[in-house]
Amino acid sequence: MNSTFNWNPEKTLWKKVIHLASERGQSPESIISEAVKLYVDTQLVETVNNVVSNGSIPLF
C-alpha cells in the first residue's frame, strides 16, 4: 500500500534524516518509515503495559 502525505520538518531534523540515510545507504523514506514503526510499536507496548498494570481498559 502506498500512501503520500505532506511533511514539512524543521530544517535540522531533515538534515539529520538525510545524513543518516546517506550513512546507511538507504532512502530518507525508509529511515522515516523505520522511525515511525518503532514509535508506534513502543506506544502499543506502553498501552498494553498500562492496561495490565492498571487492570483497566482505556476508553478512547
N, C-alpha and C. Protein backbone atom coordinates (compact mmCIF):
# COMPACT_ATOMS: atom_id res chain seq x y z
N MET A 1 0.84 -1.17 0.00
CA MET A 1 0.00 0.00 0.00
C MET A 1 0.89 1.24 0.00
N ASN A 2 0.66 2.10 -0.92
CA ASN A 2 1.40 3.36 -0.99
C ASN A 2 0.55 4.48 -0.44
N SER A 3 1.16 5.31 0.37
CA SER A 3 0.48 6.48 0.91
C SER A 3 1.40 7.68 0.74
N THR A 4 0.80 8.80 0.59
CA THR A 4 1.56 10.03 0.45
C THR A 4 1.00 11.05 1.43
N PHE A 5 1.90 11.76 2.10
CA PHE A 5 1.47 12.86 2.94
C PHE A 5 2.50 13.98 2.83
N ASN A 6 2.07 15.15 3.16
CA ASN A 6 2.93 16.32 3.07
C ASN A 6 3.52 16.59 4.45
N TRP A 7 4.84 16.47 4.55
CA TRP A 7 5.53 16.65 5.82
C TRP A 7 6.53 17.77 5.65
N ASN A 8 6.52 18.71 6.56
CA ASN A 8 7.43 19.84 6.49
C ASN A 8 8.24 19.90 7.78
N PRO A 9 9.28 19.04 7.90
CA PRO A 9 10.04 19.00 9.15
C PRO A 9 10.93 20.24 9.30
N GLU A 10 11.35 20.47 10.52
CA GLU A 10 12.29 21.56 10.72
C GLU A 10 13.59 21.20 10.00
N LYS A 11 14.30 22.21 9.57
CA LYS A 11 15.47 22.04 8.72
C LYS A 11 16.54 21.13 9.34
N THR A 12 16.82 21.31 10.63
CA THR A 12 17.86 20.49 11.26
C THR A 12 17.47 19.02 11.32
N LEU A 13 16.20 18.74 11.56
CA LEU A 13 15.74 17.35 11.59
C LEU A 13 15.87 16.72 10.21
N TRP A 14 15.47 17.46 9.18
CA TRP A 14 15.57 16.93 7.82
C TRP A 14 17.02 16.64 7.45
N LYS A 15 17.94 17.52 7.84
CA LYS A 15 19.36 17.30 7.57
C LYS A 15 19.86 16.02 8.25
N LYS A 16 19.40 15.79 9.49
CA LYS A 16 19.78 14.58 10.21
C LYS A 16 19.26 13.33 9.51
N VAL A 17 18.04 13.40 9.01
CA VAL A 17 17.45 12.26 8.29
C VAL A 17 18.25 11.99 7.02
N ILE A 18 18.56 13.02 6.28
CA ILE A 18 19.33 12.88 5.04
C ILE A 18 20.71 12.30 5.34
N HIS A 19 21.35 12.79 6.38
CA HIS A 19 22.68 12.32 6.76
C HIS A 19 22.64 10.84 7.15
N LEU A 20 21.69 10.47 7.99
CA LEU A 20 21.57 9.08 8.42
C LEU A 20 21.27 8.16 7.24
N ALA A 21 20.39 8.60 6.36
CA ALA A 21 20.05 7.80 5.18
C ALA A 21 21.30 7.60 4.32
N SER A 22 22.07 8.63 4.15
CA SER A 22 23.29 8.55 3.35
C SER A 22 24.30 7.58 3.97
N GLU A 23 24.46 7.68 5.30
CA GLU A 23 25.39 6.79 6.00
C GLU A 23 24.99 5.32 5.87
N ARG A 24 23.69 5.06 5.90
CA ARG A 24 23.19 3.69 5.84
C ARG A 24 22.96 3.19 4.42
N GLY A 25 23.07 4.08 3.45
CA GLY A 25 22.79 3.69 2.07
C GLY A 25 21.31 3.41 1.85
N GLN A 26 20.48 4.14 2.56
CA GLN A 26 19.03 3.98 2.46
C GLN A 26 18.40 5.28 2.00
N SER A 27 17.14 5.21 1.66
CA SER A 27 16.41 6.42 1.29
C SER A 27 15.90 7.10 2.56
N PRO A 28 15.69 8.41 2.48
CA PRO A 28 15.09 9.11 3.63
C PRO A 28 13.73 8.50 4.00
N GLU A 29 12.98 8.07 2.98
CA GLU A 29 11.67 7.48 3.22
C GLU A 29 11.78 6.22 4.09
N SER A 30 12.80 5.41 3.84
CA SER A 30 12.95 4.18 4.63
C SER A 30 13.36 4.51 6.07
N ILE A 31 14.15 5.54 6.26
CA ILE A 31 14.54 5.96 7.61
C ILE A 31 13.31 6.44 8.38
N ILE A 32 12.50 7.26 7.73
CA ILE A 32 11.29 7.78 8.37
C ILE A 32 10.31 6.65 8.66
N SER A 33 10.15 5.72 7.74
CA SER A 33 9.25 4.58 7.96
C SER A 33 9.71 3.75 9.16
N GLU A 34 11.01 3.52 9.25
CA GLU A 34 11.56 2.76 10.38
C GLU A 34 11.30 3.49 11.70
N ALA A 35 11.51 4.80 11.70
CA ALA A 35 11.30 5.59 12.91
C ALA A 35 9.84 5.57 13.34
N VAL A 36 8.93 5.71 12.40
CA VAL A 36 7.50 5.69 12.72
C VAL A 36 7.09 4.32 13.24
N LYS A 37 7.59 3.25 12.61
CA LYS A 37 7.27 1.90 13.06
C LYS A 37 7.74 1.69 14.49
N LEU A 38 8.97 2.09 14.80
CA LEU A 38 9.49 1.95 16.16
C LEU A 38 8.65 2.75 17.17
N TYR A 39 8.25 3.94 16.79
CA TYR A 39 7.42 4.77 17.66
C TYR A 39 6.07 4.12 17.93
N VAL A 40 5.42 3.67 16.87
CA VAL A 40 4.10 3.05 17.01
C VAL A 40 4.20 1.77 17.84
N ASP A 41 5.20 0.95 17.57
CA ASP A 41 5.38 -0.28 18.35
C ASP A 41 5.59 0.04 19.83
N THR A 42 6.36 1.07 20.13
CA THR A 42 6.61 1.47 21.51
C THR A 42 5.32 1.93 22.17
N GLN A 43 4.52 2.70 21.45
CA GLN A 43 3.25 3.18 22.01
C GLN A 43 2.30 2.03 22.28
N LEU A 44 2.27 1.04 21.40
CA LEU A 44 1.40 -0.12 21.60
C LEU A 44 1.82 -0.90 22.84
N VAL A 45 3.13 -1.07 23.03
CA VAL A 45 3.64 -1.79 24.20
C VAL A 45 3.29 -1.01 25.47
N GLU A 46 3.46 0.30 25.44
CA GLU A 46 3.14 1.12 26.61
C GLU A 46 1.65 1.03 26.94
N THR A 47 0.80 1.02 25.94
CA THR A 47 -0.64 0.90 26.15
C THR A 47 -0.98 -0.43 26.80
N VAL A 48 -0.40 -1.50 26.30
CA VAL A 48 -0.63 -2.82 26.88
C VAL A 48 -0.13 -2.87 28.32
N ASN A 49 1.05 -2.32 28.56
CA ASN A 49 1.59 -2.30 29.93
C ASN A 49 0.70 -1.51 30.88
N ASN A 50 0.13 -0.40 30.40
CA ASN A 50 -0.77 0.39 31.24
C ASN A 50 -2.03 -0.38 31.57
N VAL A 51 -2.56 -1.09 30.60
CA VAL A 51 -3.77 -1.88 30.82
C VAL A 51 -3.49 -2.98 31.84
N VAL A 52 -2.36 -3.65 31.70
CA VAL A 52 -2.01 -4.73 32.63
C VAL A 52 -1.77 -4.19 34.04
N SER A 53 -1.05 -3.09 34.15
CA SER A 53 -0.72 -2.56 35.48
C SER A 53 -1.92 -1.89 36.15
N ASN A 54 -2.79 -1.28 35.35
CA ASN A 54 -3.96 -0.61 35.92
C ASN A 54 -5.16 -1.54 36.07
N GLY A 55 -5.16 -2.61 35.31
CA GLY A 55 -6.28 -3.52 35.35
C GLY A 55 -7.52 -2.97 34.69
N SER A 56 -7.33 -1.91 33.91
CA SER A 56 -8.47 -1.31 33.22
C SER A 56 -8.13 -1.09 31.75
N ILE A 57 -9.17 -0.98 30.97
CA ILE A 57 -9.00 -0.73 29.55
C ILE A 57 -9.33 0.73 29.29
N PRO A 58 -8.39 1.49 28.68
CA PRO A 58 -8.67 2.90 28.43
C PRO A 58 -9.79 3.08 27.40
N LEU A 59 -10.62 4.07 27.63
CA LEU A 59 -11.69 4.39 26.69
C LEU A 59 -11.24 5.56 25.84
N PHE A 60 -11.40 5.42 24.55
CA PHE A 60 -10.96 6.48 23.64
C PHE A 60 -12.14 7.15 23.02
